Amino acid sequence: MTIPKLDFSKGLIPAIIIEDGSQEVLMLAYMNEESFQKTLSSNTTWFYSRSRRSLWNKGATSGNFQHVKKIMTDCDQDTLLIHVVIDGPACHTGEKSCFFQTIKEVNEDVD
């Protein structure tokens, strides 16, 4: 399989992490070229922390590793969609997904 040339021209690209089985969106983080390469070689997710200005391996501290099943890119090759099997919650709050706070929900059929 040929790995497409990802567009790291702005330094970081978004990585959307979803649970492989349920397809639930777990989190959004950012990768640079080094964290992407570490993810490829280790089969666990690595990200770049903008606040700490350093790499981090999801689960290294918490034990909640994300085991990579599939990595996809969008048509512009500047965003990743990563399917993972999880060892525990993705969110630092203990929630399974970082997306647990509803802002708006419409309960009507939309045509």
PDB file of N, CA and C in Angstrom:
ATOM      1  N   MET A   1       0.842  -1.173   0.000  1.00  0.00           N
ATOM      2  CA  MET A   1       0.000   0.000   0.000  1.00  0.00           C
ATOM      3  C   MET A   1       0.894   1.246   0.000  1.00  0.00           C
ATOM      4  N   THR A   2       0.587   2.182  -0.868  1.00  0.00           N
ATOM      5  CA  THR A   2       1.329   3.431  -0.960  1.00  0.00           C
ATOM      6  C   THR A   2       0.705   4.464  -0.033  1.00  0.00           C
ATOM      7  N   ILE A   3       1.517   5.065   0.801  1.00  0.00           N
ATOM      8  CA  ILE A   3       1.022   6.107   1.703  1.00  0.00           C
ATOM      9  C   ILE A   3       1.004   7.422   0.938  1.00  0.00           C
ATOM     10  N   PRO A   4      -0.170   8.081   0.852  1.00  0.00           N
ATOM     11  CA  PRO A   4      -0.225   9.354   0.148  1.00  0.00           C
ATOM     12  C   PRO A   4       0.625  10.405   0.856  1.00  0.00           C
ATOM     13  N   LYS A   5       1.087  11.366   0.113  1.00  0.00           N
ATOM     14  CA  LYS A   5       1.874  12.468   0.670  1.00  0.00           C
ATOM     15  C   LYS A   5       0.919  13.410   1.393  1.00  0.00           C
ATOM     16  N   LEU A   6       1.003  13.410   2.712  1.00  0.00           N
ATOM     17  CA  LEU A   6       0.135  14.270   3.506  1.00  0.00           C
ATOM     18  C   LEU A   6       0.647  15.705   3.470  1.00  0.00           C
ATOM     19  N   ASP A   7      -0.270  16.656   3.604  1.00  0.00           N
ATOM     20  CA  ASP A   7       0.071  18.071   3.529  1.00  0.00           C
ATOM     21  C   ASP A   7       0.344  18.626   4.926  1.00  0.00           C
ATOM     22  N   PHE A   8       1.596  18.569   5.343  1.00  0.00           N
ATOM     23  CA  PHE A   8       2.018  19.140   6.619  1.00  0.00           C
ATOM     24  C   PHE A   8       2.588  20.543   6.424  1.00  0.00           C
ATOM     25  N   SER A   9       2.218  21.216   5.332  1.00  0.00           N
ATOM     26  CA  SER A   9       2.812  22.515   5.008  1.00  0.00           C
ATOM     27  C   SER A   9       2.530  23.573   6.075  1.00  0.00           C
ATOM     28  N   LYS A  10       1.457  23.413   6.820  1.00  0.00           N
ATOM     29  CA  LYS A  10       1.154  24.354   7.899  1.00  0.00           C
ATOM     30  C   LYS A  10       1.634  23.828   9.254  1.00  0.00           C
ATOM     31  N   GLY A  11       2.348  22.715   9.240  1.00  0.00           N
ATOM     32  CA  GLY A  11       2.929  22.160  10.456  1.00  0.00           C
ATOM     33  C   GLY A  11       2.119  21.051  11.085  1.00  0.00           C
ATOM     34  N   LEU A  12       0.831  21.282  11.308  1.00  0.00           N
ATOM     35  CA  LEU A  12      -0.032  20.309  11.970  1.00  0.00           C
ATOM     36  C   LEU A  12      -1.253  20.019  11.117  1.00  0.00           C
ATOM     37  N   ILE A  13      -1.733  18.779  11.215  1.00  0.00           N
ATOM     38  CA  ILE A  13      -2.995  18.439  10.570  1.00  0.00           C
ATOM     39  C   ILE A  13      -3.924  17.821  11.609  1.00  0.00           C
ATOM     40  N   PRO A  14      -5.238  18.066  11.463  1.00  0.00           N
ATOM     41  CA  PRO A  14      -6.190  17.466  12.393  1.00  0.00           C
ATOM     42  C   PRO A  14      -6.298  15.963  12.195  1.00  0.00           C
ATOM     43  N   ALA A  15      -6.471  15.263  13.300  1.00  0.00           N
ATOM     44  CA  ALA A  15      -6.684  13.818  13.284  1.00  0.00           C
ATOM     45  C   ALA A  15      -7.962  13.530  14.067  1.00  0.00           C
ATOM     46  N   ILE A  16      -8.968  13.046  13.372  1.00  0.00           N
ATOM     47  CA  ILE A  16     -10.241  12.685  13.987  1.00  0.00           C
ATOM     48  C   ILE A  16     -10.142  11.214  14.359  1.00  0.00           C
ATOM     49  N   ILE A  17     -10.364  10.920  15.632  1.00  0.00           N
ATOM     50  CA  ILE A  17     -10.218   9.549  16.129  1.00  0.00           C
ATOM     51  C   ILE A  17     -11.615   8.965  16.347  1.00  0.00           C
ATOM     52  N   ILE A  18     -11.886   7.806  15.728  1.00  0.00           N
ATOM     53  CA  ILE A  18     -13.179   7.157  15.902  1.00  0.00           C
ATOM     54  C   ILE A  18     -12.978   5.711  16.343  1.00  0.00           C
ATOM     55  N   GLU A  19     -13.935   5.240  17.133  1.00  0.00           N
ATOM     56  CA  GLU A  19     -13.889   3.852  17.586  1.00  0.00           C
ATOM     57  C   GLU A  19     -14.232   2.948  16.403  1.00  0.00           C
ATOM     58  N   ASP A  20     -13.410   1.965  16.155  1.00  0.00           N
ATOM     59  CA  ASP A  20     -13.559   1.118  14.982  1.00  0.00           C
ATOM     60  C   ASP A  20     -14.904   0.400  14.941  1.00  0.00           C
ATOM     61  N   GLY A  21     -15.350  -0.155  16.030  1.00  0.00           N
ATOM     62  CA  GLY A  21     -16.603  -0.914  16.028  1.00  0.00           C
ATOM     63  C   GLY A  21     -17.847  -0.058  15.928  1.00  0.00           C
ATOM     64  N   SER A  22     -17.989   0.899  16.825  1.00  0.00           N
ATOM     65  CA  SER A  22     -19.205   1.705  16.905  1.00  0.00           C
ATOM     66  C   SER A  22     -19.213   2.886  15.941  1.00  0.00           C
ATOM     67  N   GLN A  23     -18.057   3.269  15.444  1.00  0.00           N
ATOM     68  CA  GLN A  23     -17.883   4.447  14.584  1.00  0.00           C
ATOM     69  C   GLN A  23     -18.130   5.758  15.337  1.00  0.00           C
ATOM     70  N   GLU A  24     -18.126   5.696  16.676  1.00  0.00           N
ATOM     71  CA  GLU A  24     -18.313   6.896  17.495  1.00  0.00           C
ATOM     72  C   GLU A  24     -17.061   7.772  17.421  1.00  0.00           C
ATOM     73  N   VAL A  25     -17.274   9.082  17.242  1.00  0.00           N
ATOM     74  CA  VAL A  25     -16.155  10.017  17.255  1.00  0.00           C
ATOM     75  C   VAL A  25     -15.678  10.142  18.696  1.00  0.00           C
ATOM     76  N   LEU A  26     -14.400   9.877  18.920  1.00  0.00           N
ATOM     77  CA  LEU A  26     -13.849   9.900  20.267  1.00  0.00           C
ATOM     78  C   LEU A  26     -13.148  11.217  20.595  1.00  0.00           C
ATOM     79  N   MET A  27     -12.392  11.742  19.651  1.00  0.00           N
ATOM     80  CA  MET A  27     -11.632  12.954  19.933  1.00  0.00           C
ATOM     81  C   MET A  27     -11.087  13.553  18.644  1.00  0.00           C
ATOM     82  N   LEU A  28     -10.606  14.767  18.767  1.00  0.00           N
ATOM     83  CA  LEU A  28      -9.887  15.449  17.703  1.00  0.00           C
ATOM     84  C   LEU A  28      -8.574  15.919  18.294  1.00  0.00           C
ATOM     85  N   ALA A  29      -7.488  15.630  17.616  1.00  0.00           N
ATOM     86  CA  ALA A  29      -6.171  16.080  18.060  1.00  0.00           C
ATOM     87  C   ALA A  29      -5.383  16.464  16.815  1.00  0.00           C
ATOM     88  N   TYR A  30      -4.139  16.875  17.020  1.00  0.00           N
ATOM     89  CA  TYR A  30      -3.312  17.312  15.894  1.00  0.00           C
ATOM     90  C   TYR A  30      -2.047  16.483  15.804  1.00  0.00           C
ATOM     91  N   MET A  31      -1.605  16.271  14.571  1.00  0.00           N
ATOM     92  CA  MET A  31      -0.374  15.525  14.318  1.00  0.00           C
ATOM     93  C   MET A  31       0.575  16.368  13.493  1.00  0.00           C
ATOM     94  N   ASN A  32       1.854  16.213  13.797  1.00  0.00           N
ATOM     95  CA  ASN A  32       2.884  16.715  12.895  1.00  0.00           C
ATOM     96  C   ASN A  32       3.477  15.487  12.196  1.00  0.00           C
ATOM     97  N   GLU A  33       4.462  15.688  11.339  1.00  0.00           N
ATOM     98  CA  GLU A  33       5.027  14.553  10.606  1.00  0.00           C
ATOM     99  C   GLU A  33       5.612  13.497  11.542  1.00  0.00           C
ATOM    100  N   GLU A  34       6.275  13.938  12.609  1.00  0.00           N
ATOM    101  CA  GLU A  34       6.901  12.991  13.525  1.00  0.00           C
ATOM    102  C   GLU A  34       5.864  12.149  14.263  1.00  0.00           C
ATOM    103  N   SER A  35       4.800  12.780  14.752  1.00  0.00           N
ATOM    104  CA  SER A  35       3.770  12.006  15.468  1.00  0.00           C
ATOM    105  C   SER A  35       3.043  11.057  14.515  1.00  0.00           C
ATOM    106  N   PHE A  36       2.867  11.482  13.262  1.00  0.00           N
ATOM    107  CA  PHE A  36       2.264  10.591  12.268  1.00  0.00           C
ATOM    108  C   PHE A  36       3.151   9.370  12.038  1.00  0.00           C
ATOM    109  N   GLN A  37       4.442   9.572  11.883  1.00  0.00           N
ATOM    110  CA  GLN A  37       5.364   8.456  11.672  1.00  0.00           C
ATOM    111  C   GLN A  37       5.393   7.514  12.880  1.00  0.00           C
ATOM    112  N   LYS A  38       5.354   8.079  14.092  1.00  0.00           N
ATOM    113  CA  LYS A  38       5.325   7.255  15.310  1.00  0.00           C
ATOM    114  C   LYS A  38       4.033   6.443  15.379  1.00  0.00           C
ATOM    115  N   THR A  39       2.933   7.047  14.946  1.00  0.00           N
ATOM    116  CA  THR A  39       1.654   6.328  14.910  1.00  0.00           C
ATOM    117  C   THR A  39       1.736   5.160  13.932  1.00  0.00           C
ATOM    118  N   LEU A  40       2.310   5.401  12.760  1.00  0.00           N
ATOM    119  CA  LEU A  40       2.466   4.327  11.772  1.00  0.00           C
ATOM    120  C   LEU A  40       3.328   3.185  12.304  1.00  0.00           C
ATOM    121  N   SER A  41       4.424   3.518  12.958  1.00  0.00           N
ATOM    122  CA  SER A  41       5.360   2.473  13.392  1.00  0.00           C
ATOM    123  C   SER A  41       4.923   1.749  14.661  1.00  0.00           C
ATOM    124  N   SER A  42       4.183   2.427  15.539  1.00  0.00           N
ATOM    125  CA  SER A  42       3.808   1.817  16.822  1.00  0.00           C
ATOM    126  C   SER A  42       2.408   1.214  16.831  1.00  0.00           C
ATOM    127  N   ASN A  43       1.572   1.598  15.871  1.00  0.00           N
ATOM    128  CA  ASN A  43       0.153   1.198  15.837  1.00  0.00           C
ATOM    129  C   ASN A  43      -0.623   1.671  17.050  1.00  0.00           C
ATOM    130  N   THR A  44      -0.137   2.711  17.717  1.00  0.00           N
ATOM    131  CA  THR A  44      -0.903   3.445  18.731  1.00  0.00           C
ATOM    132  C   THR A  44      -0.841   4.916  18.331  1.00  0.00           C
ATOM    133  N   THR A  45      -1.810   5.692  18.791  1.00  0.00           N
ATOM    134  CA  THR A  45      -1.872   7.086  18.358  1.00  0.00           C
ATOM    135  C   THR A  45      -0.881   7.970  19.097  1.00  0.00           C
ATOM    136  N   TRP A  46      -0.207   8.806  18.321  1.00  0.00           N
ATOM    137  CA  TRP A  46       0.708   9.836  18.816  1.00  0.00           C
ATOM    138  C   TRP A  46       0.233  11.166  18.278  1.00  0.00           C
ATOM    139  N   PHE A  47       0.316  12.193  19.102  1.00  0.00           N
ATOM    140  CA  PHE A  47      -0.146  13.521  18.702  1.00  0.00           C
ATOM    141  C   PHE A  47       0.887  14.568  19.073  1.00  0.00           C
ATOM    142  N   TYR A  48       0.648  15.774  18.570  1.00  0.00           N
ATOM    143  CA  TYR A  48       1.483  16.903  18.947  1.00  0.00           C
ATOM    144  C   TYR A  48       0.634  17.820  19.818  1.00  0.00           C
ATOM    145  N   SER A  49       1.103  18.098  21.018  1.00  0.00           N
ATOM    146  CA  SER A  49       0.404  18.995  21.936  1.00  0.00           C
ATOM    147  C   SER A  49       0.815  20.430  21.638  1.00  0.00           C
ATOM    148  N   ARG A  50      -0.145  21.232  21.214  1.00  0.00           N
ATOM    149  CA  ARG A  50       0.144  22.633  20.920  1.00  0.00           C
ATOM    150  C   ARG A  50       0.481  23.399  22.187  1.00  0.00           C
ATOM    151  N   SER A  51      -0.166  23.070  23.303  1.00  0.00           N
ATOM    152  CA  SER A  51       0.088  23.805  24.551  1.00  0.00           C
ATOM    153  C   SER A  51       1.442  23.445  25.169  1.00  0.00           C
ATOM    154  N   ARG A  52       1.807  22.162  25.109  1.00  0.00           N
ATOM    155  CA  ARG A  52       3.086  21.730  25.683  1.00  0.00           C
ATOM    156  C   ARG A  52       4.229  21.773  24.674  1.00  0.00           C
ATOM    157  N   ARG A  53       3.869  21.943  23.407  1.00  0.00           N
ATOM    158  CA  ARG A  53       4.849  21.943  22.316  1.00  0.00           C
ATOM    159  C   ARG A  53       5.711  20.679  22.316  1.00  0.00           C
ATOM    160  N   SER A  54       5.025  19.539  22.459  1.00  0.00           N
ATOM    161  CA  SER A  54       5.742  18.264  22.470  1.00  0.00           C
ATOM    162  C   SER A  54       4.827  17.133  21.996  1.00  0.00           C
ATOM    163  N   LEU A  55       5.446  16.002  21.669  1.00  0.00           N
ATOM    164  CA  LEU A  55       4.690  14.818  21.267  1.00  0.00           C
ATOM    165  C   LEU A  55       4.102  14.131  22.492  1.00  0.00           C
ATOM    166  N   TRP A  56       2.976  13.461  22.294  1.00  0.00           N
ATOM    167  CA  TRP A  56       2.417  12.627  23.357  1.00  0.00           C
ATOM    168  C   TRP A  56       1.742  11.407  22.754  1.00  0.00           C
ATOM    169  N   ASN A  57       1.921  10.301  23.444  1.00  0.00           N
ATOM    170  CA  ASN A  57       1.345   9.030  23.056  1.00  0.00           C
ATOM    171  C   ASN A  57       0.083   8.829  23.888  1.00  0.00           C
ATOM    172  N   LYS A  58      -1.079   8.802  23.231  1.00  0.00           N
ATOM    173  CA  LYS A  58      -2.342   8.639  23.946  1.00  0.00           C
ATOM    174  C   LYS A  58      -2.310   7.320  24.712  1.00  0.00           C
ATOM    175  N   GLY A  59      -2.439   7.408  26.019  1.00  0.00           N
ATOM    176  CA  GLY A  59      -2.456   6.229  26.878  1.00  0.00           C
ATOM    177  C   GLY A  59      -1.172   6.021  27.655  1.00  0.00           C
ATOM    178  N   ALA A  60      -0.105   6.736  27.300  1.00  0.00           N
ATOM    179  CA  ALA A  60       1.173   6.538  27.993  1.00  0.00           C
ATOM    180  C   ALA A  60       1.059   6.840  29.481  1.00  0.00           C
ATOM    181  N   THR A  61       0.245   7.816  29.844  1.00  0.00           N
ATOM    182  CA  THR A  61       0.057   8.163  31.256  1.00  0.00           C
ATOM    183  C   THR A  61      -1.155   7.453  31.852  1.00  0.00           C
ATOM    184  N   SER A  62      -2.270   7.437  31.116  1.00  0.00           N
ATOM    185  CA  SER A  62      -3.534   6.913  31.637  1.00  0.00           C
ATOM    186  C   SER A  62      -3.699   5.405  31.464  1.00  0.00           C
ATOM    187  N   GLY A  63      -2.978   4.825  30.523  1.00  0.00           N
ATOM    188  CA  GLY A  63      -3.193   3.418  30.191  1.00  0.00           C
ATOM    189  C   GLY A  63      -4.298   3.219  29.168  1.00  0.00           C
ATOM    190  N   ASN A  64      -4.935   4.308  28.745  1.00  0.00           N
ATOM    191  CA  ASN A  64      -6.048   4.243  27.796  1.00  0.00           C
ATOM    192  C   ASN A  64      -5.527   4.381  26.361  1.00  0.00           C
ATOM    193  N   PHE A  65      -4.775   3.393  25.933  1.00  0.00           N
ATOM    194  CA  PHE A  65      -4.184   3.438  24.599  1.00  0.00           C
ATOM    195  C   PHE A  65      -5.245   3.314  23.519  1.00  0.00           C
ATOM    196  N   GLN A  66      -4.915   3.837  22.352  1.00  0.00           N
ATOM    197  CA  GLN A  66      -5.747   3.707  21.166  1.00  0.00           C
ATOM    198  C   GLN A  66      -4.938   2.905  20.147  1.00  0.00           C
ATOM    199  N   HIS A  67      -5.427   1.704  19.822  1.00  0.00           N
ATOM    200  CA  HIS A  67      -4.740   0.796  18.905  1.00  0.00           C
ATOM    201  C   HIS A  67      -5.284   1.017  17.490  1.00  0.00           C
ATOM    202  N   VAL A  68      -4.419   1.409  16.600  1.00  0.00           N
ATOM    203  CA  VAL A  68      -4.816   1.795  15.251  1.00  0.00           C
ATOM    204  C   VAL A  68      -5.253   0.581  14.442  1.00  0.00           C
ATOM    205  N   LYS A  69      -6.433   0.700  13.824  1.00  0.00           N
ATOM    206  CA  LYS A  69      -6.948  -0.329  12.917  1.00  0.00           C
ATOM    207  C   LYS A  69      -6.874   0.139  11.470  1.00  0.00           C
ATOM    208  N   LYS A  70      -7.123   1.429  11.243  1.00  0.00           N
ATOM    209  CA  LYS A  70      -7.106   1.951   9.879  1.00  0.00           C
ATOM    210  C   LYS A  70      -6.873   3.458   9.939  1.00  0.00           C
ATOM    211  N   ILE A  71      -6.082   3.963   8.986  1.00  0.00           N
ATOM    212  CA  ILE A  71      -5.859   5.400   8.863  1.00  0.00           C
ATOM    213  C   ILE A  71      -6.285   5.807   7.463  1.00  0.00           C
ATOM    214  N   MET A  72      -7.131   6.830   7.405  1.00  0.00           N
ATOM    215  CA  MET A  72      -7.616   7.352   6.131  1.00  0.00           C
ATOM    216  C   MET A  72      -7.291   8.848   6.063  1.00  0.00           C
ATOM    217  N   THR A  73      -7.244   9.372   4.854  1.00  0.00           N
ATOM    218  CA  THR A  73      -7.064  10.805   4.676  1.00  0.00           C
ATOM    219  C   THR A  73      -8.191  11.347   3.808  1.00  0.00           C
ATOM    220  N   ASP A  74      -8.406  12.649   3.916  1.00  0.00           N
ATOM    221  CA  ASP A  74      -9.438  13.275   3.099  1.00  0.00           C
ATOM    222  C   ASP A  74      -8.892  13.558   1.700  1.00  0.00           C
ATOM    223  N   CYS A  75      -9.737  14.122   0.846  1.00  0.00           N
ATOM    224  CA  CYS A  75      -9.373  14.349  -0.556  1.00  0.00           C
ATOM    225  C   CYS A  75      -8.224  15.343  -0.720  1.00  0.00           C
ATOM    226  N   ASP A  76      -8.050  16.267   0.219  1.00  0.00           N
ATOM    227  CA  ASP A  76      -6.958  17.243   0.157  1.00  0.00           C
ATOM    228  C   ASP A  76      -5.698  16.757   0.862  1.00  0.00           C
ATOM    229  N   GLN A  77      -5.780  15.628   1.494  1.00  0.00           N
ATOM    230  CA  GLN A  77      -4.675  15.013   2.231  1.00  0.00           C
ATOM    231  C   GLN A  77      -4.119  15.931   3.323  1.00  0.00           C
ATOM    232  N   ASP A  78      -5.063  16.634   3.993  1.00  0.00           N
ATOM    233  CA  ASP A  78      -4.654  17.513   5.088  1.00  0.00           C
ATOM    234  C   ASP A  78      -5.445  17.274   6.369  1.00  0.00           C
ATOM    235  N   THR A  79      -6.173  16.152   6.410  1.00  0.00           N
ATOM    236  CA  THR A  79      -6.914  15.734   7.604  1.00  0.00           C
ATOM    237  C   THR A  79      -6.908  14.210   7.650  1.00  0.00           C
ATOM    238  N   LEU A  80      -6.779  13.669   8.854  1.00  0.00           N
ATOM    239  CA  LEU A  80      -6.776  12.217   9.022  1.00  0.00           C
ATOM    240  C   LEU A  80      -8.022  11.743   9.745  1.00  0.00           C
ATOM    241  N   LEU A  81      -8.474  10.564   9.402  1.00  0.00           N
ATOM    242  CA  LEU A  81      -9.537   9.857  10.108  1.00  0.00           C
ATOM    243  C   LEU A  81      -8.919   8.538  10.542  1.00  0.00           C
ATOM    244  N   ILE A  82      -8.814   8.349  11.858  1.00  0.00           N
ATOM    245  CA  ILE A  82      -8.111   7.183  12.384  1.00  0.00           C
ATOM    246  C   ILE A  82      -9.084   6.302  13.168  1.00  0.00           C
ATOM    247  N   HIS A  83      -9.245   5.070  12.692  1.00  0.00           N
ATOM    248  CA  HIS A  83     -10.096   4.080  13.358  1.00  0.00           C
ATOM    249  C   HIS A  83      -9.242   3.368  14.399  1.00  0.00           C
ATOM    250  N   VAL A  84      -9.739   3.288  15.630  1.00  0.00           N
ATOM    251  CA  VAL A  84      -8.969   2.681  16.709  1.00  0.00           C
ATOM    252  C   VAL A  84      -9.816   1.722  17.535  1.00  0.00           C
ATOM    253  N   VAL A  85      -9.141   0.822  18.220  1.00  0.00           N
ATOM    254  CA  VAL A  85      -9.725   0.009  19.284  1.00  0.00           C
ATOM    255  C   VAL A  85      -9.162   0.599  20.572  1.00  0.00           C
ATOM    256  N   ILE A  86     -10.037   0.863  21.537  1.00  0.00           N
ATOM    257  CA  ILE A  86      -9.628   1.597  22.734  1.00  0.00           C
ATOM    258  C   ILE A  86      -9.489   0.696  23.950  1.00  0.00           C
ATOM    259  N   ASP A  87      -8.559   1.094  24.832  1.00  0.00           N
ATOM    260  CA  ASP A  87      -8.374   0.401  26.108  1.00  0.00           C
ATOM    261  C   ASP A  87      -9.169   1.057  27.230  1.00  0.00           C
ATOM    262  N   GLY A  88      -9.709   2.240  26.975  1.00  0.00           N
ATOM    263  CA  GLY A  88     -10.448   2.983  27.996  1.00  0.00           C
ATOM    264  C   GLY A  88     -10.925   4.287  27.402  1.00  0.00           C
ATOM    265  N   PRO A  89     -11.408   5.189  28.253  1.00  0.00           N
ATOM    266  CA  PRO A  89     -11.961   6.442  27.755  1.00  0.00           C
ATOM    267  C   PRO A  89     -10.941   7.280  26.979  1.00  0.00           C
ATOM    268  N   ALA A  90     -11.445   8.017  26.000  1.00  0.00           N
ATOM    269  CA  ALA A  90     -10.588   8.908  25.217  1.00  0.00           C
ATOM    270  C   ALA A  90     -10.412  10.258  25.901  1.00  0.00           C
ATOM    271  N   CYS A  91     -11.419  10.680  26.643  1.00  0.00           N
ATOM    272  CA  CYS A  91     -11.404  12.023  27.225  1.00  0.00           C
ATOM    273  C   CYS A  91     -10.688  12.049  28.580  1.00  0.00           C
ATOM    274  N   HIS A  92      -9.952  13.116  28.808  1.00  0.00           N
ATOM    275  CA  HIS A  92      -9.244  13.263  30.084  1.00  0.00           C
ATOM    276  C   HIS A  92     -10.193  13.412  31.266  1.00  0.00           C
ATOM    277  N   THR A  93     -11.501  13.667  30.983  1.00  0.00           N
ATOM    278  CA  THR A  93     -12.499  13.778  32.059  1.00  0.00           C
ATOM    279  C   THR A  93     -13.005  12.410  32.513  1.00  0.00           C
ATOM    280  N   GLY A  94     -12.630  11.363  31.766  1.00  0.00           N
ATOM    281  CA  GLY A  94     -13.116  10.018  32.065  1.00  0.00           C
ATOM    282  C   GLY A  94     -14.274   9.595  31.182  1.00  0.00           C
ATOM    283  N   GLU A  95     -14.789  10.503  30.359  1.00  0.00           N
ATOM    284  CA  GLU A  95     -15.855  10.154  29.415  1.00  0.00           C
ATOM    285  C   GLU A  95     -15.268   9.331  28.275  1.00  0.00           C
ATOM    286  N   LYS A  96     -16.083   8.454  27.707  1.00  0.00           N
ATOM    287  CA  LYS A  96     -15.620   7.620  26.595  1.00  0.00           C
ATOM    288  C   LYS A  96     -15.166   8.480  25.422  1.00  0.00           C
ATOM    289  N   SER A  97     -15.941   9.507  25.112  1.00  0.00           N
ATOM    290  CA  SER A  97     -15.653  10.412  24.000  1.00  0.00           C
ATOM    291  C   SER A  97     -15.483  11.826  24.530  1.00  0.00           C
ATOM    292  N   CYS A  98     -14.661  12.611  23.865  1.00  0.00           N
ATOM    293  CA  CYS A  98     -14.531  14.030  24.229  1.00  0.00           C
ATOM    294  C   CYS A  98     -15.779  14.813  23.825  1.00  0.00           C
ATOM    295  N   PHE A  99     -16.604  14.223  22.954  1.00  0.00           N
ATOM    296  CA  PHE A  99     -17.817  14.892  22.469  1.00  0.00           C
ATOM    297  C   PHE A  99     -19.037  14.383  23.227  1.00  0.00           C
ATOM    298  N   PHE A 100     -19.210  14.876  24.455  1.00  0.00           N
ATOM    299  CA  PHE A 100     -20.338  14.434  25.288  1.00  0.00           C
ATOM    300  C   PHE A 100     -21.236  15.589  25.724  1.00  0.00           C
ATOM    301  N   GLN A 101     -20.900  16.815  25.346  1.00  0.00           N
ATOM    302  CA  GLN A 101     -21.690  17.980  25.758  1.00  0.00           C
ATOM    303  C   GLN A 101     -22.522  18.484  24.580  1.00  0.00           C
ATOM    304  N   THR A 102     -23.841  18.339  24.669  1.00  0.00           N
ATOM    305  CA  THR A 102     -24.733  18.769  23.604  1.00  0.00           C
ATOM    306  C   THR A 102     -24.993  20.270  23.715  1.00  0.00           C
ATOM    307  N   ILE A 103     -24.860  20.961  22.597  1.00  0.00           N
ATOM    308  CA  ILE A 103     -25.164  22.392  22.543  1.00  0.00           C
ATOM    309  C   ILE A 103     -26.573  22.600  22.005  1.00  0.00           C
ATOM    310  N   LYS A 104     -26.929  21.852  20.983  1.00  0.00           N
ATOM    311  CA  LYS A 104     -28.254  21.985  20.381  1.00  0.00           C
ATOM    312  C   LYS A 104     -28.652  20.644  19.804  1.00  0.00           C
ATOM    313  N   GLU A 105     -29.935  20.323  19.940  1.00  0.00           N
ATOM    314  CA  GLU A 105     -30.468  19.098  19.361  1.00  0.00           C
ATOM    315  C   GLU A 105     -31.845  19.406  18.803  1.00  0.00           C
ATOM    316  N   VAL A 106     -32.068  19.116  17.540  1.00  0.00           N
ATOM    317  CA  VAL A 106     -33.350  19.356  16.878  1.00  0.00           C
ATOM    318  C   VAL A 106     -34.061  18.021  16.750  1.00  0.00           C
ATOM    319  N   ASN A 107     -35.262  17.947  17.313  1.00  0.00           N
ATOM    320  CA  ASN A 107     -36.017  16.698  17.310  1.00  0.00           C
ATOM    321  C   ASN A 107     -37.129  16.705  16.280  1.00  0.00           C
ATOM    322  N   GLU A 108     -36.914  17.414  15.197  1.00  0.00           N
ATOM    323  CA  GLU A 108     -37.890  17.453  14.104  1.00  0.00           C
ATOM    324  C   GLU A 108     -37.288  16.805  12.873  1.00  0.00           C
ATOM    325  N   ASP A 109     -38.140  16.260  12.020  1.00  0.00           N
ATOM    326  CA  ASP A 109     -37.649  15.737  10.755  1.00  0.00           C
ATOM    327  C   ASP A 109     -37.220  16.900   9.889  1.00  0.00           C
ATOM    328  N   VAL A 110     -36.070  16.766   9.268  1.00  0.00           N
ATOM    329  CA  VAL A 110     -35.556  17.791   8.380  1.00  0.00           C
ATOM    330  C   VAL A 110     -35.685  17.280   6.948  1.00  0.00           C
ATOM    331  N   ASP A 111     -36.323  18.068   6.099  1.00  0.00           N
ATOM    332  CA  ASP A 111     -36.495  17.664   4.686  1.00  0.00           C
ATOM    333  C   ASP A 111     -35.331  18.090   3.865  1.00  0.00           C
TER     334      ASP A 111
END
